[in-house]
Amino acid sequence: MTGDDANQDAKIRDILLAEQAELRALMDSAEASGAPVELDQSVQGRLSRMDAMQQQAMAAEMERQRRLRLKRIEAALTRLETGDYGYCVTCGEDIESKRLALDPATPTCLSHAR
């Protein structure tokens, strides 16, 4: 590995670790929104409960997406450590540099992303 490669890997690692930390912080702060919705009509009206349930469902979906993204980041960090970063996990060919610049955690080349 040349000095340029090591610098590039360090930059990529920093980007991935920063996003990982941000996702974990978001997940920690979003935990409070998972509280059960109160079903007692004397406490809360029907429309308010429906709105709260919808918001809770959206929060659950965001949490699912964050967990998936976190797994992709962790896999990219592993590939970086093993020297497999930048290669498609399906075919082993190089992933286009523009594609990696847009999403450093992407595991596949463009043809296998479809």
Protein backbone atom coordinates (compact mmCIF):
# COMPACT_ATOMS: atom_id res chain seq x y z
CA MET A 1 0.00 0.00 0.00
CA THR A 2 1.43 3.36 -0.99
CA GLY A 3 1.29 6.50 1.12
CA ASP A 4 -1.50 7.86 -1.08
CA ASP A 5 -3.51 4.67 -0.62
CA ALA A 6 -3.02 4.83 3.15
CA ASN A 7 -4.13 8.48 3.19
CA GLN A 8 -7.16 7.66 1.07
CA ASP A 9 -8.07 4.72 3.32
CA ALA A 10 -7.71 6.95 6.40
CA LYS A 11 -10.03 9.56 4.85
CA ILE A 12 -12.61 6.93 3.97
CA ARG A 13 -12.36 5.40 7.46
CA ASP A 14 -12.87 8.85 9.02
CA ILE A 15 -15.95 9.49 6.85
CA LEU A 16 -17.44 6.09 7.71
CA LEU A 17 -16.70 6.43 11.43
CA ALA A 18 -18.23 9.91 11.53
CA GLU A 19 -21.42 8.66 9.87
CA GLN A 20 -21.47 5.66 12.20
CA ALA A 21 -21.24 7.93 15.25
CA GLU A 22 -23.96 10.21 13.89
CA LEU A 23 -26.30 7.27 13.26
CA ARG A 24 -25.72 5.88 16.74
CA ALA A 25 -26.45 9.28 18.28
CA LEU A 26 -29.67 9.56 16.26
CA MET A 27 -30.71 6.07 17.29
CA ASP A 28 -30.07 6.86 20.96
CA SER A 29 -32.10 10.08 20.81
CA ALA A 30 -34.95 8.42 18.89
CA GLU A 31 -35.42 5.72 21.51
CA ALA A 32 -37.82 7.95 23.46
CA SER A 33 -40.26 8.11 20.53
CA GLY A 34 -40.88 4.38 20.78
CA ALA A 35 -43.11 4.68 23.82
CA PRO A 36 -46.52 3.01 23.47
CA VAL A 37 -49.42 5.21 22.39
CA GLU A 38 -52.00 5.84 25.12
CA LEU A 39 -55.32 4.30 24.08
CA ASP A 40 -57.53 5.87 26.76
CA GLN A 41 -59.98 8.24 24.99
CA SER A 42 -60.42 10.27 28.17
CA VAL A 43 -56.73 11.20 27.99
CA GLN A 44 -56.31 11.65 24.25
CA GLY A 45 -58.73 12.01 21.34
CA ARG A 46 -59.03 9.46 18.54
CA LEU A 47 -57.37 11.65 15.90
CA SER A 48 -54.50 12.50 18.23
CA ARG A 49 -53.97 8.79 18.90
CA MET A 50 -54.04 8.03 15.17
CA ASP A 51 -51.50 10.79 14.55
CA ALA A 52 -49.30 9.48 17.35
CA MET A 53 -49.50 5.94 15.97
CA GLN A 54 -48.57 7.18 12.49
CA GLN A 55 -45.60 9.10 13.87
CA GLN A 56 -44.55 6.04 15.82
CA ALA A 57 -44.70 3.88 12.66
CA MET A 58 -42.61 6.43 10.76
CA ALA A 59 -40.08 6.51 13.61
CA ALA A 60 -39.89 2.70 13.55
CA GLU A 61 -39.19 2.74 9.79
CA MET A 62 -36.48 5.37 10.24
CA GLU A 63 -34.93 3.20 12.94
CA ARG A 64 -34.97 0.20 10.59
CA GLN A 65 -33.28 2.24 7.86
CA ARG A 66 -30.66 3.52 10.30
CA ARG A 67 -29.88 -0.03 11.44
CA LEU A 68 -29.45 -1.16 7.82
CA ARG A 69 -27.18 1.79 7.08
CA LEU A 70 -25.17 1.06 10.20
CA LYS A 71 -24.67 -2.55 9.06
CA ARG A 72 -23.49 -1.33 5.64
CA ILE A 73 -21.02 1.05 7.29
CA GLU A 74 -19.69 -1.68 9.57
CA ALA A 75 -19.28 -4.01 6.58
CA ALA A 76 -17.43 -1.27 4.65
CA LEU A 77 -15.09 -0.72 7.62
CA THR A 78 -14.40 -4.46 7.69
CA ARG A 79 -13.66 -4.48 3.95
CA LEU A 80 -11.35 -1.52 4.48
CA GLU A 81 -9.43 -3.42 7.16
CA THR A 82 -9.15 -6.61 5.07
CA GLY A 83 -8.11 -4.81 1.89
CA ASP A 84 -11.34 -5.68 0.06
CA TYR A 85 -12.72 -2.12 0.07
CA GLY A 86 -13.54 -0.72 -3.35
CA TYR A 87 -14.29 -4.09 -4.90
CA CYS A 88 -17.78 -5.38 -5.64
CA VAL A 89 -18.82 -8.06 -3.14
CA THR A 90 -20.70 -9.85 -5.92
CA CYS A 91 -18.23 -9.95 -8.81
CA GLY A 92 -14.96 -8.68 -7.33
CA GLU A 93 -14.54 -5.94 -9.92
CA ASP A 94 -13.62 -2.37 -8.99
CA ILE A 95 -16.48 -0.17 -7.80
CA GLU A 96 -16.51 3.09 -9.73
CA SER A 97 -14.80 5.91 -7.81
CA LYS A 98 -17.75 8.26 -8.40
CA ARG A 99 -20.06 5.65 -6.86
CA LEU A 100 -17.81 5.31 -3.81
CA ALA A 101 -17.58 9.10 -3.51
CA LEU A 102 -21.39 9.31 -3.35
CA ASP A 103 -21.68 6.42 -0.89
CA PRO A 104 -18.47 5.16 0.73
CA ALA A 105 -20.36 2.20 2.21
CA THR A 106 -21.64 0.87 -1.10
CA PRO A 107 -20.83 -2.84 -1.44
CA THR A 108 -21.48 -3.37 -5.15
CA CYS A 109 -20.59 -2.04 -8.56
CA LEU A 110 -23.30 -0.29 -10.52
CA SER A 111 -24.24 -3.33 -12.60
CA HIS A 112 -24.83 -5.45 -9.46
CA ALA A 113 -26.69 -2.70 -7.61
CA ARG A 114 -29.56 -3.08 -10.04
